[in-house]
Amino acid sequence: MNINATLFGQVIFVFAIFMAVLCYFIAKKKNERPLLSAVVGFVTSLVPVVAIIYLVILMAKPDRQD
């Protein structure tokens, strides 16, 4: 099975968008700057293992007190 670079790039891009949205919604409850967390989630998703580790760390943070 051949996987060309275009397909690989598209999969990584879709994964990056998914991680950014997921990090944003989790960060809305966890910290004061959810947009920054979404950007970091997008950037770290270029290496999927790092993105999953970032997501686990983000979920482990306590909820903020308003």
PDB file of N, CA and C in Angstrom:
ATOM      1  N   MET A   1       0.844  -1.183   0.000  1.00  0.00           N
ATOM      2  CA  MET A   1       0.000   0.000   0.000  1.00  0.00           C
ATOM      3  C   MET A   1       0.887   1.243   0.000  1.00  0.00           C
ATOM      4  N   ASN A   2       0.679   2.074  -0.977  1.00  0.00           N
ATOM      5  CA  ASN A   2       1.448   3.302  -1.080  1.00  0.00           C
ATOM      6  C   ASN A   2       0.675   4.466  -0.464  1.00  0.00           C
ATOM      7  N   ILE A   3       1.372   5.254   0.317  1.00  0.00           N
ATOM      8  CA  ILE A   3       0.789   6.474   0.870  1.00  0.00           C
ATOM      9  C   ILE A   3       1.630   7.633   0.348  1.00  0.00           C
ATOM     10  N   ASN A   4       1.016   8.462  -0.460  1.00  0.00           N
ATOM     11  CA  ASN A   4       1.784   9.566  -1.005  1.00  0.00           C
ATOM     12  C   ASN A   4       1.817  10.739  -0.028  1.00  0.00           C
ATOM     13  N   ALA A   5       2.662  11.693  -0.309  1.00  0.00           N
ATOM     14  CA  ALA A   5       2.869  12.828   0.592  1.00  0.00           C
ATOM     15  C   ALA A   5       1.629  13.716   0.684  1.00  0.00           C
ATOM     16  N   THR A   6       0.861  13.802  -0.365  1.00  0.00           N
ATOM     17  CA  THR A   6      -0.340  14.633  -0.336  1.00  0.00           C
ATOM     18  C   THR A   6      -1.367  14.070   0.639  1.00  0.00           C
ATOM     19  N   LEU A   7      -1.594  12.792   0.588  1.00  0.00           N
ATOM     20  CA  LEU A   7      -2.532  12.162   1.512  1.00  0.00           C
ATOM     21  C   LEU A   7      -2.050  12.291   2.951  1.00  0.00           C
ATOM     22  N   PHE A   8      -0.763  12.081   3.172  1.00  0.00           N
ATOM     23  CA  PHE A   8      -0.192  12.210   4.514  1.00  0.00           C
ATOM     24  C   PHE A   8      -0.358  13.635   5.028  1.00  0.00           C
ATOM     25  N   GLY A   9      -0.108  14.618   4.202  1.00  0.00           N
ATOM     26  CA  GLY A   9      -0.269  16.019   4.585  1.00  0.00           C
ATOM     27  C   GLY A   9      -1.713  16.363   4.907  1.00  0.00           C
ATOM     28  N   GLN A  10      -2.636  15.833   4.133  1.00  0.00           N
ATOM     29  CA  GLN A  10      -4.050  16.090   4.392  1.00  0.00           C
ATOM     30  C   GLN A  10      -4.510  15.453   5.696  1.00  0.00           C
ATOM     31  N   VAL A  11      -4.036  14.268   5.988  1.00  0.00           N
ATOM     32  CA  VAL A  11      -4.388  13.603   7.245  1.00  0.00           C
ATOM     33  C   VAL A  11      -3.839  14.388   8.428  1.00  0.00           C
ATOM     34  N   ILE A  12      -2.609  14.831   8.342  1.00  0.00           N
ATOM     35  CA  ILE A  12      -2.006  15.622   9.420  1.00  0.00           C
ATOM     36  C   ILE A  12      -2.758  16.938   9.595  1.00  0.00           C
ATOM     37  N   PHE A  13      -3.170  17.576   8.500  1.00  0.00           N
ATOM     38  CA  PHE A  13      -3.896  18.841   8.595  1.00  0.00           C
ATOM     39  C   PHE A  13      -5.267  18.654   9.250  1.00  0.00           C
ATOM     40  N   VAL A  14      -5.971  17.600   8.887  1.00  0.00           N
ATOM     41  CA  VAL A  14      -7.271  17.321   9.505  1.00  0.00           C
ATOM     42  C   VAL A  14      -7.083  17.006  10.985  1.00  0.00           C
ATOM     43  N   PHE A  15      -6.048  16.250  11.321  1.00  0.00           N
ATOM     44  CA  PHE A  15      -5.748  15.954  12.716  1.00  0.00           C
ATOM     45  C   PHE A  15      -5.415  17.238  13.475  1.00  0.00           C
ATOM     46  N   ALA A  16      -4.703  18.163  12.842  1.00  0.00           N
ATOM     47  CA  ALA A  16      -4.347  19.428  13.482  1.00  0.00           C
ATOM     48  C   ALA A  16      -5.592  20.268  13.768  1.00  0.00           C
ATOM     49  N   ILE A  17      -6.506  20.339  12.834  1.00  0.00           N
ATOM     50  CA  ILE A  17      -7.754  21.079  13.045  1.00  0.00           C
ATOM     51  C   ILE A  17      -8.561  20.439  14.167  1.00  0.00           C
ATOM     52  N   PHE A  18      -8.655  19.113  14.155  1.00  0.00           N
ATOM     53  CA  PHE A  18      -9.388  18.394  15.201  1.00  0.00           C
ATOM     54  C   PHE A  18      -8.778  18.649  16.580  1.00  0.00           C
ATOM     55  N   MET A  19      -7.462  18.598  16.678  1.00  0.00           N
ATOM     56  CA  MET A  19      -6.797  18.824  17.965  1.00  0.00           C
ATOM     57  C   MET A  19      -6.970  20.266  18.427  1.00  0.00           C
ATOM     58  N   ALA A  20      -6.924  21.223  17.504  1.00  0.00           N
ATOM     59  CA  ALA A  20      -7.109  22.621  17.882  1.00  0.00           C
ATOM     60  C   ALA A  20      -8.504  22.855  18.452  1.00  0.00           C
ATOM     61  N   VAL A  21      -9.509  22.303  17.813  1.00  0.00           N
ATOM     62  CA  VAL A  21     -10.880  22.466  18.306  1.00  0.00           C
ATOM     63  C   VAL A  21     -11.053  21.768  19.647  1.00  0.00           C
ATOM     64  N   LEU A  22     -10.522  20.572  19.770  1.00  0.00           N
ATOM     65  CA  LEU A  22     -10.622  19.825  21.020  1.00  0.00           C
ATOM     66  C   LEU A  22      -9.902  20.544  22.151  1.00  0.00           C
ATOM     67  N   CYS A  23      -8.713  21.049  21.899  1.00  0.00           N
ATOM     68  CA  CYS A  23      -7.965  21.798  22.919  1.00  0.00           C
ATOM     69  C   CYS A  23      -8.697  23.078  23.303  1.00  0.00           C
ATOM     70  N   TYR A  24      -9.324  23.726  22.354  1.00  0.00           N
ATOM     71  CA  TYR A  24     -10.059  24.957  22.661  1.00  0.00           C
ATOM     72  C   TYR A  24     -11.204  24.683  23.625  1.00  0.00           C
ATOM     73  N   PHE A  25     -12.006  23.652  23.339  1.00  0.00           N
ATOM     74  CA  PHE A  25     -13.161  23.376  24.195  1.00  0.00           C
ATOM     75  C   PHE A  25     -12.751  22.875  25.573  1.00  0.00           C
ATOM     76  N   ILE A  26     -11.664  22.132  25.654  1.00  0.00           N
ATOM     77  CA  ILE A  26     -11.180  21.700  26.965  1.00  0.00           C
ATOM     78  C   ILE A  26     -10.593  22.876  27.722  1.00  0.00           C
ATOM     79  N   ALA A  27      -9.868  23.749  27.030  1.00  0.00           N
ATOM     80  CA  ALA A  27      -9.208  24.878  27.688  1.00  0.00           C
ATOM     81  C   ALA A  27     -10.189  25.955  28.139  1.00  0.00           C
ATOM     82  N   LYS A  28     -11.393  25.990  27.564  1.00  0.00           N
ATOM     83  CA  LYS A  28     -12.382  26.970  28.018  1.00  0.00           C
ATOM     84  C   LYS A  28     -12.706  26.782  29.494  1.00  0.00           C
ATOM     85  N   LYS A  29     -12.668  25.557  29.967  1.00  0.00           N
ATOM     86  CA  LYS A  29     -12.950  25.282  31.367  1.00  0.00           C
ATOM     87  C   LYS A  29     -11.697  25.299  32.226  1.00  0.00           C
ATOM     88  N   LYS A  30     -10.532  25.197  31.615  1.00  0.00           N
ATOM     89  CA  LYS A  30      -9.307  24.999  32.381  1.00  0.00           C
ATOM     90  C   LYS A  30      -8.484  26.266  32.602  1.00  0.00           C
ATOM     91  N   ASN A  31      -8.441  27.166  31.642  1.00  0.00           N
ATOM     92  CA  ASN A  31      -7.604  28.356  31.803  1.00  0.00           C
ATOM     93  C   ASN A  31      -8.270  29.589  31.207  1.00  0.00           C
ATOM     94  N   GLU A  32      -7.600  30.714  31.325  1.00  0.00           N
ATOM     95  CA  GLU A  32      -8.177  31.988  30.895  1.00  0.00           C
ATOM     96  C   GLU A  32      -7.929  32.306  29.423  1.00  0.00           C
ATOM     97  N   ARG A  33      -7.053  31.586  28.778  1.00  0.00           N
ATOM     98  CA  ARG A  33      -6.721  31.858  27.375  1.00  0.00           C
ATOM     99  C   ARG A  33      -6.911  30.601  26.520  1.00  0.00           C
ATOM    100  N   PRO A  34      -8.148  30.277  26.206  1.00  0.00           N
ATOM    101  CA  PRO A  34      -8.370  29.050  25.428  1.00  0.00           C
ATOM    102  C   PRO A  34      -7.875  29.145  23.982  1.00  0.00           C
ATOM    103  N   LEU A  35      -7.837  30.349  23.426  1.00  0.00           N
ATOM    104  CA  LEU A  35      -7.359  30.490  22.051  1.00  0.00           C
ATOM    105  C   LEU A  35      -5.873  30.154  21.952  1.00  0.00           C
ATOM    106  N   LEU A  36      -5.110  30.564  22.955  1.00  0.00           N
ATOM    107  CA  LEU A  36      -3.683  30.230  22.978  1.00  0.00           C
ATOM    108  C   LEU A  36      -3.490  28.717  23.089  1.00  0.00           C
ATOM    109  N   SER A  37      -4.305  28.082  23.896  1.00  0.00           N
ATOM    110  CA  SER A  37      -4.220  26.625  24.014  1.00  0.00           C
ATOM    111  C   SER A  37      -4.584  25.941  22.703  1.00  0.00           C
ATOM    112  N   ALA A  38      -5.535  26.498  21.971  1.00  0.00           N
ATOM    113  CA  ALA A  38      -5.900  25.936  20.669  1.00  0.00           C
ATOM    114  C   ALA A  38      -4.755  26.076  19.671  1.00  0.00           C
ATOM    115  N   VAL A  39      -4.077  27.210  19.692  1.00  0.00           N
ATOM    116  CA  VAL A  39      -2.932  27.415  18.789  1.00  0.00           C
ATOM    117  C   VAL A  39      -1.805  26.442  19.136  1.00  0.00           C
ATOM    118  N   VAL A  40      -1.535  26.280  20.421  1.00  0.00           N
ATOM    119  CA  VAL A  40      -0.503  25.332  20.842  1.00  0.00           C
ATOM    120  C   VAL A  40      -0.905  23.911  20.456  1.00  0.00           C
ATOM    121  N   GLY A  41      -2.179  23.567  20.605  1.00  0.00           N
ATOM    122  CA  GLY A  41      -2.657  22.255  20.184  1.00  0.00           C
ATOM    123  C   GLY A  41      -2.500  22.040  18.690  1.00  0.00           C
ATOM    124  N   PHE A  42      -2.743  23.084  17.903  1.00  0.00           N
ATOM    125  CA  PHE A  42      -2.570  22.991  16.451  1.00  0.00           C
ATOM    126  C   PHE A  42      -1.105  22.774  16.082  1.00  0.00           C
ATOM    127  N   VAL A  43      -0.221  23.537  16.710  1.00  0.00           N
ATOM    128  CA  VAL A  43       1.206  23.443  16.386  1.00  0.00           C
ATOM    129  C   VAL A  43       1.778  22.096  16.839  1.00  0.00           C
ATOM    130  N   THR A  44       1.394  21.653  18.028  1.00  0.00           N
ATOM    131  CA  THR A  44       1.937  20.383  18.501  1.00  0.00           C
ATOM    132  C   THR A  44       1.384  19.195  17.729  1.00  0.00           C
ATOM    133  N   SER A  45       0.282  19.371  17.037  1.00  0.00           N
ATOM    134  CA  SER A  45      -0.291  18.246  16.307  1.00  0.00           C
ATOM    135  C   SER A  45       0.510  17.891  15.057  1.00  0.00           C
ATOM    136  N   LEU A  46       1.497  18.684  14.718  1.00  0.00           N
ATOM    137  CA  LEU A  46       2.372  18.307  13.614  1.00  0.00           C
ATOM    138  C   LEU A  46       3.183  17.063  13.979  1.00  0.00           C
ATOM    139  N   VAL A  47       3.376  16.843  15.279  1.00  0.00           N
ATOM    140  CA  VAL A  47       3.949  15.598  15.790  1.00  0.00           C
ATOM    141  C   VAL A  47       2.859  14.986  16.677  1.00  0.00           C
ATOM    142  N   PRO A  48       2.103  14.024  16.174  1.00  0.00           N
ATOM    143  CA  PRO A  48       0.905  13.552  16.879  1.00  0.00           C
ATOM    144  C   PRO A  48       1.142  13.063  18.307  1.00  0.00           C
ATOM    145  N   VAL A  49       2.283  12.477  18.591  1.00  0.00           N
ATOM    146  CA  VAL A  49       2.554  12.002  19.947  1.00  0.00           C
ATOM    147  C   VAL A  49       2.633  13.181  20.911  1.00  0.00           C
ATOM    148  N   VAL A  50       3.266  14.254  20.490  1.00  0.00           N
ATOM    149  CA  VAL A  50       3.376  15.452  21.324  1.00  0.00           C
ATOM    150  C   VAL A  50       1.999  16.068  21.537  1.00  0.00           C
ATOM    151  N   ALA A  51       1.153  16.044  20.533  1.00  0.00           N
ATOM    152  CA  ALA A  51      -0.192  16.600  20.653  1.00  0.00           C
ATOM    153  C   ALA A  51      -1.027  15.815  21.658  1.00  0.00           C
ATOM    154  N   ILE A  52      -0.903  14.515  21.644  1.00  0.00           N
ATOM    155  CA  ILE A  52      -1.660  13.702  22.594  1.00  0.00           C
ATOM    156  C   ILE A  52      -1.154  13.922  24.011  1.00  0.00           C
ATOM    157  N   ILE A  53       0.155  14.053  24.184  1.00  0.00           N
ATOM    158  CA  ILE A  53       0.714  14.348  25.501  1.00  0.00           C
ATOM    159  C   ILE A  53       0.222  15.713  25.981  1.00  0.00           C
ATOM    160  N   TYR A  54       0.199  16.709  25.097  1.00  0.00           N
ATOM    161  CA  TYR A  54      -0.303  18.038  25.464  1.00  0.00           C
ATOM    162  C   TYR A  54      -1.770  17.974  25.871  1.00  0.00           C
ATOM    163  N   LEU A  55      -2.549  17.197  25.162  1.00  0.00           N
ATOM    164  CA  LEU A  55      -3.967  17.061  25.479  1.00  0.00           C
ATOM    165  C   LEU A  55      -4.173  16.403  26.843  1.00  0.00           C
ATOM    166  N   VAL A  56      -3.383  15.404  27.160  1.00  0.00           N
ATOM    167  CA  VAL A  56      -3.475  14.741  28.466  1.00  0.00           C
ATOM    168  C   VAL A  56      -3.102  15.712  29.573  1.00  0.00           C
ATOM    169  N   ILE A  57      -2.054  16.496  29.366  1.00  0.00           N
ATOM    170  CA  ILE A  57      -1.643  17.489  30.369  1.00  0.00           C
ATOM    171  C   ILE A  57      -2.730  18.547  30.538  1.00  0.00           C
ATOM    172  N   LEU A  58      -3.338  18.965  29.447  1.00  0.00           N
ATOM    173  CA  LEU A  58      -4.398  19.967  29.515  1.00  0.00           C
ATOM    174  C   LEU A  58      -5.621  19.420  30.261  1.00  0.00           C
ATOM    175  N   MET A  59      -5.951  18.169  30.047  1.00  0.00           N
ATOM    176  CA  MET A  59      -7.088  17.579  30.744  1.00  0.00           C
ATOM    177  C   MET A  59      -6.807  17.372  32.222  1.00  0.00           C
ATOM    178  N   ALA A  60      -5.538  17.207  32.586  1.00  0.00           N
ATOM    179  CA  ALA A  60      -5.186  16.962  33.992  1.00  0.00           C
ATOM    180  C   ALA A  60      -5.209  18.237  34.828  1.00  0.00           C
ATOM    181  N   LYS A  61      -5.197  19.391  34.179  1.00  0.00           N
ATOM    182  CA  LYS A  61      -5.235  20.645  34.931  1.00  0.00           C
ATOM    183  C   LYS A  61      -6.576  20.792  35.649  1.00  0.00           C
ATOM    184  N   PRO A  62      -6.556  21.396  36.822  1.00  0.00           N
ATOM    185  CA  PRO A  62      -7.849  21.607  37.517  1.00  0.00           C
ATOM    186  C   PRO A  62      -8.669  22.690  36.829  1.00  0.00           C
ATOM    187  N   ASP A  63      -9.980  22.610  36.984  1.00  0.00           N
ATOM    188  CA  ASP A  63     -10.863  23.625  36.431  1.00  0.00           C
ATOM    189  C   ASP A  63     -10.630  24.958  37.121  1.00  0.00           C
ATOM    190  N   ARG A  64     -10.812  26.040  36.370  1.00  0.00           N
ATOM    191  CA  ARG A  64     -10.601  27.355  36.962  1.00  0.00           C
ATOM    192  C   ARG A  64     -11.792  27.745  37.813  1.00  0.00           C
ATOM    193  N   GLN A  65     -11.556  28.596  38.777  1.00  0.00           N
ATOM    194  CA  GLN A  65     -12.592  29.090  39.667  1.00  0.00           C
ATOM    195  C   GLN A  65     -12.990  30.486  39.225  1.00  0.00           C
ATOM    196  N   ASP A  66     -14.213  30.673  38.822  1.00  0.00           N
ATOM    197  CA  ASP A  66     -14.666  32.016  38.404  1.00  0.00           C
ATOM    198  C   ASP A  66     -15.392  32.706  39.523  1.00  0.00           C
TER     199      ASP A  66
END
